Amino acid sequence: MDTLLKTHNKLEFLPQVHGALEKSSSLSSLKIQNQELRFGLKKSRQKRNRSCFIKASSSALLELVPETKKENLEFELPMYDPSKGLVVDLAVVGGGPAGLAVAQQVSEAGLSVCSIDPSPKLIWPNNYGVWVDEFEAMDLLDCLDTTWSGAVMHIDDNTKKDLNRPYGRVNRKLLKSKMLQKCITNGVKFHQAKVIKVIHEESKSLLICNDGVTIQAAVVLVATGFSRCLVQYDKPYNPGYQVAYGILAEVEEHPFDLDKMVFMDWRDSHLNNNSELKEANSKIPTFLYAMPFSSNRIFLEETSLVARPGVPMKDIQERMVARLKHLGIKVKSIEEDEHCVIPMGGPLPVLPQRVVGIGGTAGMVHPSTGYMVARTLAAAPIVANAIVRSLSSDRSISGHKLSAEVWKDLWPIERRRQREFFCFGMDILLKLDLPATRRFFDAFFDLEPRYWHGFLSSRLFLPELLVFGLSLFSHASNTSRLEIMAKGTLPLVNMINNLVQDTD
């Protein structure tokens, strides 16, 4: 899905330093802070027999995982010259989609921008899945390499839903190339390093890099995914976690329609012969997400929607292997694999503060779904316009007042209230077992498309979300209504309390 952090082979929840990529399918280990979770995965072995089929064990599946590959774009980047000691208008820390989008748009206005990233030319090794209408609204349809006319969802063995909404996979190489080319054309300078510290003065900030270089900037934008070392938080950080394991594979065959992607498959008949796994899945369920590209090439991902603490990666893999065996999917080779961890919900950063954030570090992950890429790309013009507006005037404001203006536009009260409702939804999902989850999504996707489209794409705001909630409740079965009332009462009280306390 639209995953935000993907780590290759090793997964730990520890304090993280920032890097260019907060999602990577074949990437050196990234780390996230969380004291509750610590689970690891052995490093992938070198591929041995690429033509063999997987057996019913996760270790056999890992035998097919290739060595990590890092592919760079062939660009000659204009590098920042520290010897000139210039103060740039904007320093962007992190070269992911959100960071490059803001750098591109601010530089288009004629302002000086420096993009700082340890691997500025590295292709994002991510599988970004998006609804086609989201990218169409941003004029990015040319950056989708595959589209499907719609999606399907399996509630159980007897219930299947067709979702009439086109879905697409982002061409990460093309998207980054397009953004980099525009940045270069606009005069953006690049610096290959990690920012380890930011020192703020009255009208500028000093970014201290790990190579000893100091970059001076009027505004600092942090776009480093879930690295929170440069952004201040003043509340306990206790998110839910979406955890997934995915493979892009060549298979002998698969049973899926090539014109539809599989959005969620909650069936569990593949676990009938393993009572331990079936019981665990009944308590904290996982689903299959699949993007078929041809009759023998497909992306398959087993996902835990949200749990606290997160489901161990080993359990995710075991469930996936059992599912593939049950579906008769024989994997011949694996092009790449993904280990995905997405913190969901949790507090927003301190609003406002001197540095500006966007993406995961600014709390922009959808707390109920884990989606973010379309939301952050859509927010990039808002952030860029606020920066340009402040810096292109008589520059009567600077420092904290300037960043406060940007934060105000990024997180207006309408967006904060929206996020509070989404967190309420996450708190309910955290408490649902498999039968309750099935009943919930059976009702969710029976809603009018404008409701479930709007909820998944962050287009509904609080008044509409209240109508959405009432509509969902009316579509739910009696059993599901009782579950929502029993498990949602305390989260509802917390949401109302937070909404009352949050004012402009």
Protein backbone atom coordinates (compact mmCIF):
# COMPACT_ATOMS: atom_id res chain seq x y z
CA MET A 1 0.00 0.00 0.00
CA ASP A 2 1.06 3.56 0.42
CA THR A 3 3.71 2.56 2.90
CA LEU A 4 6.01 5.05 4.49
CA LEU A 5 8.90 3.19 5.95
CA LYS A 6 10.28 0.07 4.39
CA THR A 7 13.41 -1.57 5.64
CA HIS A 8 15.41 -4.32 4.03
CA ASN A 9 16.03 -7.48 6.06
CA LYS A 10 16.47 -5.96 9.51
CA LEU A 11 13.74 -4.27 11.49
CA GLU A 12 14.11 -2.60 14.86
CA PHE A 13 12.18 0.10 16.67
CA LEU A 14 14.86 2.44 17.96
CA PRO A 15 15.70 6.16 17.64
CA GLN A 16 16.25 6.95 13.96
CA VAL A 17 18.58 9.32 12.20
CA HIS A 18 17.27 11.06 9.13
CA GLY A 19 17.89 9.88 5.62
CA ALA A 20 16.66 10.59 2.15
CA LEU A 21 14.20 7.75 2.05
CA GLU A 22 11.59 6.89 4.61
CA LYS A 23 10.30 4.00 2.53
CA SER A 24 12.58 1.52 0.89
CA SER A 25 12.00 -1.94 -0.40
CA SER A 26 15.67 -2.85 -0.66
CA LEU A 27 17.38 -0.48 1.70
CA SER A 28 19.77 -0.59 4.60
CA SER A 29 18.05 -0.73 7.95
CA LEU A 30 16.17 2.36 9.07
CA LYS A 31 15.04 2.70 12.65
CA ILE A 32 12.05 4.17 14.44
CA GLN A 33 11.67 5.07 18.09
CA ASN A 34 9.48 2.76 20.12
CA GLN A 35 10.35 1.14 23.39
CA GLU A 36 7.61 -1.51 23.19
CA LEU A 37 8.71 -3.20 20.00
CA ARG A 38 11.90 -4.94 19.04
CA PHE A 39 11.82 -7.60 16.41
CA GLY A 40 14.39 -8.56 13.88
CA LEU A 41 14.81 -10.46 10.72
CA LYS A 42 17.89 -12.31 9.53
CA LYS A 43 19.68 -10.75 6.61
CA SER A 44 18.61 -12.10 3.28
CA ARG A 45 20.88 -14.75 1.98
CA GLN A 46 22.31 -14.52 -1.49
CA LYS A 47 19.90 -15.94 -4.01
CA ARG A 48 20.73 -19.58 -4.58
CA ASN A 49 18.34 -21.33 -6.89
CA ARG A 50 16.23 -18.61 -8.47
CA SER A 51 14.11 -21.13 -10.39
CA CYS A 52 12.95 -23.12 -7.37
CA PHE A 53 9.47 -22.71 -5.88
CA ILE A 54 8.73 -21.65 -2.32
CA LYS A 55 7.90 -24.24 0.26
CA ALA A 56 5.59 -23.77 3.22
CA SER A 57 8.08 -21.80 5.33
CA SER A 58 9.16 -18.18 5.48
CA SER A 59 12.84 -19.21 5.43
CA ALA A 60 12.33 -20.89 2.05
CA LEU A 61 10.74 -17.69 0.75
CA LEU A 62 13.71 -15.63 1.96
CA GLU A 63 16.06 -17.91 0.03
CA LEU A 64 14.73 -16.28 -3.15
CA VAL A 65 15.29 -12.68 -2.02
CA PRO A 66 18.06 -11.03 -4.06
CA GLU A 67 20.86 -8.99 -2.59
CA THR A 68 20.17 -5.34 -1.92
CA LYS A 69 20.47 -3.18 -5.02
CA LYS A 70 20.84 0.58 -4.96
CA GLU A 71 20.08 2.28 -8.26
CA ASN A 72 21.00 5.91 -8.84
CA LEU A 73 19.62 8.30 -11.41
CA GLU A 74 22.05 9.60 -14.00
CA PHE A 75 21.88 13.29 -13.17
CA GLU A 76 24.63 15.84 -12.81
CA LEU A 77 23.43 17.69 -9.74
CA PRO A 78 24.51 21.30 -9.12
CA MET A 79 26.16 21.08 -5.70
CA TYR A 80 26.01 23.61 -2.91
CA ASP A 81 29.27 25.54 -2.42
CA PRO A 82 29.85 26.04 1.32
CA SER A 83 32.86 28.29 0.71
CA LYS A 84 30.57 31.13 -0.40
CA GLY A 85 28.83 31.25 2.98
CA LEU A 86 25.52 32.24 1.41
CA VAL A 87 22.26 32.22 3.35
CA VAL A 88 19.74 30.30 1.23
CA ASP A 89 16.06 31.11 1.45
CA LEU A 90 15.09 27.48 2.10
CA ALA A 91 17.00 24.40 3.20
CA VAL A 92 15.09 21.16 2.66
CA VAL A 93 16.27 18.23 4.78
CA GLY A 94 15.33 14.97 3.04
CA GLY A 95 14.97 14.15 -0.66
CA GLY A 96 11.77 12.14 -0.70
CA PRO A 97 8.68 13.08 -2.74
CA ALA A 98 7.45 15.71 -0.28
CA GLY A 99 10.82 17.40 0.15
CA LEU A 100 11.56 17.56 -3.58
CA ALA A 101 8.04 18.80 -4.34
CA VAL A 102 8.43 21.77 -2.00
CA ALA A 103 11.99 22.46 -3.22
CA GLN A 104 10.73 22.47 -6.80
CA GLN A 105 7.83 24.82 -6.13
CA VAL A 106 9.71 27.31 -3.92
CA SER A 107 12.56 27.51 -6.44
CA GLU A 108 10.06 28.17 -9.24
CA ALA A 109 9.29 31.45 -7.46
CA GLY A 110 12.92 32.51 -7.82
CA LEU A 111 13.99 31.80 -4.24
CA SER A 112 17.26 30.04 -3.42
CA VAL A 113 16.89 26.45 -2.23
CA CYS A 114 19.34 23.83 -0.98
CA SER A 115 18.26 20.17 -0.82
CA ILE A 116 20.23 18.14 1.73
CA ASP A 117 20.18 14.37 1.52
CA PRO A 118 22.75 11.58 2.03
CA SER A 119 21.75 9.92 -1.29
CA PRO A 120 20.22 12.61 -3.50
CA LYS A 121 20.25 10.53 -6.71
CA LEU A 122 19.09 7.23 -5.23
CA ILE A 123 15.84 5.97 -6.77
CA TRP A 124 13.13 5.55 -4.16
CA PRO A 125 12.80 1.76 -3.94
CA ASN A 126 9.12 1.96 -2.95
CA ASN A 127 5.87 0.54 -4.20
CA TYR A 128 3.57 3.55 -3.92
CA GLY A 129 -0.02 2.58 -4.57
CA VAL A 130 -2.49 5.44 -5.12
CA TRP A 131 -6.02 6.06 -6.30
CA VAL A 132 -5.77 7.34 -9.88
CA ASP A 133 -8.03 10.34 -9.23
CA GLU A 134 -5.57 11.58 -6.58
CA PHE A 135 -2.70 11.78 -9.05
CA GLU A 136 -4.98 13.08 -11.80
CA ALA A 137 -5.85 16.06 -9.57
CA MET A 138 -2.14 16.87 -9.31
CA ASP A 139 -1.45 16.37 -13.04
CA LEU A 140 0.78 13.37 -12.30
CA LEU A 141 -0.93 10.67 -14.37
CA ASP A 142 2.22 10.30 -16.46
CA CYS A 143 4.01 9.10 -13.30
CA LEU A 144 1.85 5.97 -12.99
CA ASP A 145 3.42 2.92 -14.65
CA THR A 146 0.43 0.61 -14.17
CA THR A 147 -3.25 1.26 -13.60
CA TRP A 148 -6.21 -1.00 -12.84
CA SER A 149 -9.83 -0.18 -13.65
CA GLY A 150 -10.80 -0.86 -10.07
CA ALA A 151 -10.13 -2.94 -6.99
CA VAL A 152 -11.64 -5.96 -5.30
CA MET A 153 -12.05 -6.76 -1.65
CA HIS A 154 -12.64 -10.19 -0.10
CA ILE A 155 -14.50 -9.94 3.20
CA ASP A 156 -14.51 -13.73 3.61
CA ASP A 157 -14.81 -16.82 1.43
CA ASN A 158 -18.39 -15.94 0.52
CA THR A 159 -18.36 -12.14 0.25
CA LYS A 160 -16.53 -10.16 -2.40
CA LYS A 161 -16.87 -6.45 -3.11
CA ASP A 162 -15.95 -4.64 -6.32
CA LEU A 163 -14.57 -1.15 -5.69
CA ASN A 164 -15.26 0.97 -8.76
CA ARG A 165 -12.33 3.33 -8.34
CA PRO A 166 -9.23 3.09 -10.59
CA TYR A 167 -5.97 2.36 -8.81
CA GLY A 168 -2.37 2.84 -9.90
CA ARG A 169 1.25 2.16 -9.04
CA VAL A 170 3.64 5.10 -9.07
CA ASN A 171 6.66 4.93 -11.35
CA ARG A 172 9.15 5.98 -8.69
CA LYS A 173 12.02 6.44 -11.15
CA LEU A 174 9.99 8.70 -13.42
CA LEU A 175 8.50 10.71 -10.55
CA LYS A 176 11.88 11.43 -8.98
CA SER A 177 13.46 12.16 -12.36
CA LYS A 178 10.69 14.62 -13.15
CA MET A 179 11.09 16.38 -9.80
CA LEU A 180 14.89 16.47 -9.93
CA GLN A 181 14.91 17.87 -13.46
CA LYS A 182 12.59 20.70 -12.46
CA CYS A 183 14.67 21.41 -9.36
CA ILE A 184 17.85 21.58 -11.46
CA THR A 185 16.18 23.85 -14.01
CA ASN A 186 15.01 26.15 -11.21
CA GLY A 187 18.51 26.44 -9.72
CA VAL A 188 18.19 24.23 -6.65
CA LYS A 189 21.55 23.31 -5.13
CA PHE A 190 22.20 19.91 -3.58
CA HIS A 191 24.34 18.81 -0.66
CA GLN A 192 25.06 15.13 -0.03
CA ALA A 193 25.10 14.70 3.74
CA LYS A 194 22.96 14.16 6.83
CA VAL A 195 21.87 17.03 9.02
CA ILE A 196 22.69 16.20 12.61
CA LYS A 197 21.77 19.45 14.33
CA VAL A 198 20.02 22.77 13.70
CA ILE A 199 20.96 25.94 15.57
CA HIS A 200 18.49 28.82 15.36
CA GLU A 201 19.41 32.48 15.34
CA GLU A 202 17.01 35.42 15.17
CA SER A 203 16.64 35.58 11.39
CA LYS A 204 18.35 32.43 10.16
CA SER A 205 19.21 28.86 11.10
CA LEU A 206 22.47 26.94 10.91
CA LEU A 207 22.24 23.33 9.70
CA ILE A 208 25.20 21.27 10.92
CA CYS A 209 25.92 18.32 8.61
CA ASN A 210 27.80 15.13 9.38
CA ASP A 211 30.52 16.07 6.89
CA GLY A 212 31.40 19.19 8.88
CA VAL A 213 29.64 21.61 6.52
CA THR A 214 27.30 24.24 7.94
CA ILE A 215 24.47 25.52 5.74
CA GLN A 216 22.67 28.78 6.59
CA ALA A 217 18.99 29.19 5.72
CA ALA A 218 16.13 31.57 6.39
CA VAL A 219 13.69 28.64 6.58
CA VAL A 220 14.32 24.98 7.39
CA LEU A 221 11.92 22.33 6.09
CA VAL A 222 12.27 18.82 7.53
CA ALA A 223 10.98 16.07 5.21
CA THR A 224 12.64 13.02 6.74
CA GLY A 225 9.75 10.61 7.19
CA PHE A 226 9.60 9.34 10.74
CA SER A 227 12.90 10.71 11.93
CA ARG A 228 11.88 13.07 14.71
CA CYS A 229 15.32 14.23 15.82
CA LEU A 230 14.97 17.66 14.17
CA VAL A 231 11.30 18.24 15.05
CA GLN A 232 10.02 18.88 18.58
CA TYR A 233 7.31 16.79 20.21
CA ASP A 234 6.01 17.52 23.71
CA LYS A 235 3.61 14.60 24.20
CA PRO A 236 4.20 10.86 24.69
CA TYR A 237 4.66 9.06 21.38
CA ASN A 238 2.55 5.91 21.35
CA PRO A 239 1.26 5.28 17.83
CA GLY A 240 -0.28 2.19 16.34
CA TYR A 241 1.82 0.35 13.77
CA GLN A 242 1.00 -0.92 10.32
CA VAL A 243 3.38 -3.77 9.52
CA ALA A 244 3.69 -5.56 6.18
CA TYR A 245 5.92 -7.85 4.18
CA GLY A 246 5.78 -7.68 0.39
CA ILE A 247 7.46 -9.22 -2.64
CA LEU A 248 7.58 -8.30 -6.30
CA ALA A 249 7.75 -11.75 -7.80
CA GLU A 250 7.69 -13.90 -10.89
CA VAL A 251 5.19 -16.69 -10.28
CA GLU A 252 4.09 -19.75 -12.20
CA GLU A 253 0.54 -18.39 -12.19
CA HIS A 254 -1.90 -16.57 -9.92
CA PRO A 255 -5.71 -16.52 -9.63
CA PHE A 256 -6.27 -12.75 -9.85
CA ASP A 257 -7.97 -10.65 -12.53
CA LEU A 258 -5.38 -8.54 -14.36
CA ASP A 259 -7.80 -5.63 -14.62
CA LYS A 260 -8.32 -5.38 -10.85
CA MET A 261 -5.93 -4.97 -7.97
CA VAL A 262 -6.68 -6.69 -4.66
CA PHE A 263 -7.17 -3.94 -2.10
CA MET A 264 -7.89 -6.19 0.89
CA ASP A 265 -8.32 -9.95 1.18
CA TRP A 266 -9.45 -10.87 4.70
CA ARG A 267 -10.02 -14.57 3.99
CA ASP A 268 -8.36 -16.92 6.47
CA SER A 269 -9.10 -20.41 5.10
CA HIS A 270 -5.38 -20.71 4.30
CA LEU A 271 -4.76 -21.05 8.04
CA ASN A 272 -7.17 -23.93 8.67
CA ASN A 273 -4.29 -26.40 9.06
CA ASN A 274 -2.39 -24.23 11.54
CA SER A 275 -4.46 -23.61 14.65
CA GLU A 276 -1.82 -21.42 16.29
CA LEU A 277 -1.56 -19.04 13.34
CA LYS A 278 -5.33 -19.06 12.84
CA GLU A 279 -5.96 -18.10 16.46
CA ALA A 280 -3.36 -15.32 16.32
CA ASN A 281 -4.84 -14.04 13.05
CA SER A 282 -8.32 -14.09 14.54
CA LYS A 283 -7.17 -11.73 17.31
CA ILE A 284 -4.98 -9.42 15.18
CA PRO A 285 -5.82 -10.10 11.53
CA THR A 286 -3.73 -9.52 8.42
CA PHE A 287 -4.91 -9.17 4.83
CA LEU A 288 -3.42 -9.66 1.38
CA TYR A 289 -2.80 -6.64 -0.87
CA ALA A 290 -1.90 -7.55 -4.45
CA MET A 291 -1.07 -5.73 -7.70
CA PRO A 292 -1.04 -8.12 -10.70
CA PHE A 293 1.04 -6.82 -13.61
CA SER A 294 0.78 -9.88 -15.84
CA SER A 295 -0.18 -13.53 -15.60
CA ASN A 296 3.16 -14.36 -13.97
CA ARG A 297 4.42 -11.08 -12.46
CA ILE A 298 2.76 -9.69 -9.35
CA PHE A 299 3.31 -7.66 -6.20
CA LEU A 300 2.06 -9.47 -3.09
CA GLU A 301 1.95 -7.99 0.39
CA GLU A 302 0.64 -9.38 3.68
CA THR A 303 -0.40 -6.49 5.93
CA SER A 304 -1.47 -5.87 9.51
CA LEU A 305 -3.64 -2.75 9.17
CA VAL A 306 -2.86 -1.38 12.64
CA ALA A 307 -1.84 -2.88 15.97
CA ARG A 308 -0.16 -1.75 19.17
CA PRO A 309 2.42 -3.19 19.50
CA GLY A 310 2.96 -4.15 15.87
CA VAL A 311 2.68 -7.73 14.63
CA PRO A 312 6.15 -9.37 14.45
CA MET A 313 7.51 -9.57 10.92
CA LYS A 314 8.09 -13.32 11.23
CA ASP A 315 4.36 -13.84 11.88
CA ILE A 316 3.48 -11.71 8.86
CA GLN A 317 5.76 -13.80 6.65
CA GLU A 318 4.41 -17.10 7.92
CA ARG A 319 0.85 -16.00 7.21
CA MET A 320 1.85 -14.89 3.72
CA VAL A 321 3.54 -18.17 2.88
CA ALA A 322 0.48 -20.12 4.07
CA ARG A 323 -1.78 -17.88 1.97
CA LEU A 324 0.28 -18.25 -1.20
CA LYS A 325 0.39 -22.02 -0.82
CA HIS A 326 -3.39 -22.13 -0.33
CA LEU A 327 -3.94 -19.94 -3.43
CA GLY A 328 -1.65 -22.17 -5.49
CA ILE A 329 0.83 -19.35 -6.11
CA LYS A 330 4.29 -20.80 -6.73
CA VAL A 331 7.02 -18.16 -6.59
CA LYS A 332 9.78 -18.72 -9.14
CA SER A 333 11.89 -15.66 -8.31
CA ILE A 334 11.73 -12.42 -6.33
CA GLU A 335 12.80 -9.10 -7.84
CA GLU A 336 12.63 -7.22 -4.54
CA ASP A 337 11.13 -7.54 -1.10
CA GLU A 338 9.77 -5.00 1.36
CA HIS A 339 9.66 -4.85 5.13
CA CYS A 340 7.21 -2.11 6.01
CA VAL A 341 6.53 -0.34 9.28
CA ILE A 342 4.26 2.70 9.47
CA PRO A 343 3.62 4.54 12.74
CA MET A 344 -0.01 5.67 12.68
CA GLY A 345 -1.68 8.27 14.85
CA GLY A 346 0.18 9.55 17.87
CA PRO A 347 0.54 13.26 18.69
CA LEU A 348 1.25 16.06 16.29
CA PRO A 349 4.56 17.86 16.70
CA VAL A 350 4.67 21.10 18.67
CA LEU A 351 2.66 23.69 16.72
CA PRO A 352 4.22 26.03 15.81
CA GLN A 353 7.99 25.60 16.09
CA ARG A 354 11.02 27.06 14.38
CA VAL A 355 11.60 24.27 11.86
CA VAL A 356 8.80 23.42 9.44
CA GLY A 357 7.86 19.80 8.76
CA ILE A 358 6.02 17.90 6.05
CA GLY A 359 5.13 14.23 5.65
CA GLY A 360 5.63 11.65 8.36
CA THR A 361 7.66 13.90 10.63
CA ALA A 362 4.76 16.39 10.60
CA GLY A 363 2.16 13.76 11.54
CA MET A 364 0.61 13.59 8.07
CA VAL A 365 0.13 9.81 7.85
CA HIS A 366 -3.56 8.92 7.67
CA PRO A 367 -4.11 7.43 11.16
CA SER A 368 -6.77 4.97 9.97
CA THR A 369 -5.16 3.73 6.73
CA GLY A 370 -1.41 4.48 6.66
CA TYR A 371 -1.74 6.41 3.39
CA MET A 372 0.39 9.53 2.98
CA VAL A 373 2.09 10.08 -0.39
CA ALA A 374 -0.86 11.69 -2.20
CA ARG A 375 -1.73 13.76 0.87
CA THR A 376 1.81 15.13 1.25
CA LEU A 377 2.21 15.84 -2.46
CA ALA A 378 -1.08 17.74 -2.34
CA ALA A 379 0.15 19.65 0.73
CA ALA A 380 3.46 20.62 -0.90
CA PRO A 381 1.98 23.64 -2.76
CA ILE A 382 0.40 24.85 0.49
CA VAL A 383 3.75 24.76 2.29
CA ALA A 384 5.60 26.22 -0.69
CA ASN A 385 3.12 29.07 -1.14
CA ALA A 386 3.32 29.99 2.55
CA ILE A 387 7.13 30.09 2.38
CA VAL A 388 7.16 32.09 -0.84
CA ARG A 389 4.53 34.51 0.48
CA SER A 390 6.59 35.18 3.61
CA LEU A 391 9.96 35.47 1.88
CA SER A 392 8.85 37.32 -1.22
CA SER A 393 7.30 40.23 0.70
CA ASP A 394 9.31 42.91 2.46
CA ARG A 395 10.60 40.14 4.76
CA SER A 396 9.18 41.95 7.74
CA ILE A 397 8.71 38.58 9.43
CA SER A 398 11.42 36.00 9.95
CA GLY A 399 12.48 33.27 12.31
CA HIS A 400 9.74 31.85 14.52
CA LYS A 401 7.01 34.16 13.19
CA LEU A 402 7.71 33.04 9.63
CA SER A 403 7.64 29.33 10.46
CA ALA A 404 4.45 29.87 12.48
CA GLU A 405 2.76 31.16 9.31
CA VAL A 406 3.75 28.02 7.42
CA TRP A 407 2.62 25.67 10.20
CA LYS A 408 -0.71 27.52 10.35
CA ASP A 409 -1.32 26.82 6.67
CA LEU A 410 -0.18 23.19 6.91
CA TRP A 411 -2.23 22.35 10.00
CA PRO A 412 -5.26 24.69 10.09
CA ILE A 413 -7.88 23.78 12.66
CA GLU A 414 -9.98 22.01 10.00
CA ARG A 415 -7.12 19.59 9.28
CA ARG A 416 -6.42 19.07 12.97
CA ARG A 417 -10.05 18.21 13.61
CA GLN A 418 -10.04 15.88 10.63
CA ARG A 419 -6.97 14.09 11.97
CA GLU A 420 -8.59 13.77 15.40
CA PHE A 421 -11.51 11.94 13.81
CA PHE A 422 -9.14 9.68 11.89
CA CYS A 423 -7.34 8.86 15.16
CA PHE A 424 -10.74 8.00 16.65
CA GLY A 425 -11.21 5.57 13.76
CA MET A 426 -7.78 4.06 14.38
CA ASP A 427 -8.55 3.56 18.06
CA ILE A 428 -11.62 1.52 17.11
CA LEU A 429 -9.71 -0.54 14.51
CA LEU A 430 -7.08 -1.36 17.12
CA LYS A 431 -9.73 -3.19 19.15
CA LEU A 432 -11.37 -5.23 16.39
CA ASP A 433 -10.69 -8.93 15.91
CA LEU A 434 -11.06 -10.61 12.51
CA PRO A 435 -14.86 -11.14 12.57
CA ALA A 436 -15.42 -7.56 13.76
CA THR A 437 -12.97 -6.19 11.17
CA ARG A 438 -14.84 -8.01 8.42
CA ARG A 439 -18.17 -6.60 9.60
CA PHE A 440 -16.67 -3.11 9.80
CA PHE A 441 -15.32 -3.08 6.24
CA ASP A 442 -18.43 -4.78 4.90
CA ALA A 443 -20.36 -1.71 6.09
CA PHE A 444 -17.60 0.77 5.16
CA PHE A 445 -17.53 -0.17 1.48
CA ASP A 446 -21.34 -0.24 1.30
CA LEU A 447 -21.33 3.52 1.86
CA GLU A 448 -21.89 5.96 -0.96
CA PRO A 449 -18.59 6.26 -2.88
CA ARG A 450 -18.20 9.93 -1.93
CA TYR A 451 -17.94 8.89 1.70
CA TRP A 452 -15.44 6.07 1.48
CA HIS A 453 -13.49 7.85 -1.28
CA GLY A 454 -13.35 10.99 0.82
CA PHE A 455 -12.37 9.17 3.99
CA LEU A 456 -9.51 7.25 2.37
CA SER A 457 -8.23 10.34 0.53
CA SER A 458 -8.54 12.81 3.45
CA ARG A 459 -11.14 14.89 1.60
CA LEU A 460 -13.84 14.89 4.29
CA PHE A 461 -13.73 17.43 7.08
CA LEU A 462 -15.40 17.27 10.48
CA PRO A 463 -19.02 18.13 9.54
CA GLU A 464 -18.89 15.64 6.64
CA LEU A 465 -17.06 13.10 8.81
CA LEU A 466 -19.86 13.22 11.37
CA VAL A 467 -22.36 12.43 8.59
CA PHE A 468 -19.97 9.72 7.38
CA GLY A 469 -19.91 8.21 10.88
CA LEU A 470 -23.70 8.19 11.17
CA SER A 471 -24.00 6.66 7.71
CA LEU A 472 -21.47 3.96 8.58
CA PHE A 473 -23.37 3.18 11.78
CA SER A 474 -26.64 2.90 9.88
CA HIS A 475 -25.11 0.55 7.28
CA ALA A 476 -23.50 -1.67 9.94
CA SER A 477 -25.10 -4.88 11.13
CA ASN A 478 -26.62 -4.96 14.61
CA THR A 479 -23.61 -6.92 15.84
CA SER A 480 -21.21 -4.39 14.34
CA ARG A 481 -23.16 -1.50 15.90
CA LEU A 482 -22.81 -3.06 19.32
CA GLU A 483 -19.08 -3.57 18.72
CA ILE A 484 -18.62 0.03 17.62
CA MET A 485 -20.48 1.32 20.67
CA ALA A 486 -18.61 -0.96 23.08
CA LYS A 487 -15.15 -0.35 21.65
CA GLY A 488 -15.65 3.23 20.49
CA THR A 489 -17.16 4.91 23.55
CA LEU A 490 -13.89 5.77 25.28
CA PRO A 491 -12.15 6.83 22.03
CA LEU A 492 -15.20 9.01 21.27
CA VAL A 493 -14.94 10.71 24.64
CA ASN A 494 -11.21 11.28 24.09
CA MET A 495 -11.87 12.72 20.63
CA ILE A 496 -14.52 15.13 21.90
CA ASN A 497 -12.24 16.23 24.72
CA ASN A 498 -9.36 16.85 22.30
CA LEU A 499 -11.62 18.75 19.90
CA VAL A 500 -12.89 21.02 22.70
CA GLN A 501 -9.36 21.77 23.88
CA ASP A 502 -7.95 22.47 20.38
CA THR A 503 -8.70 26.04 19.35
CA ASP A 504 -6.98 28.64 17.20
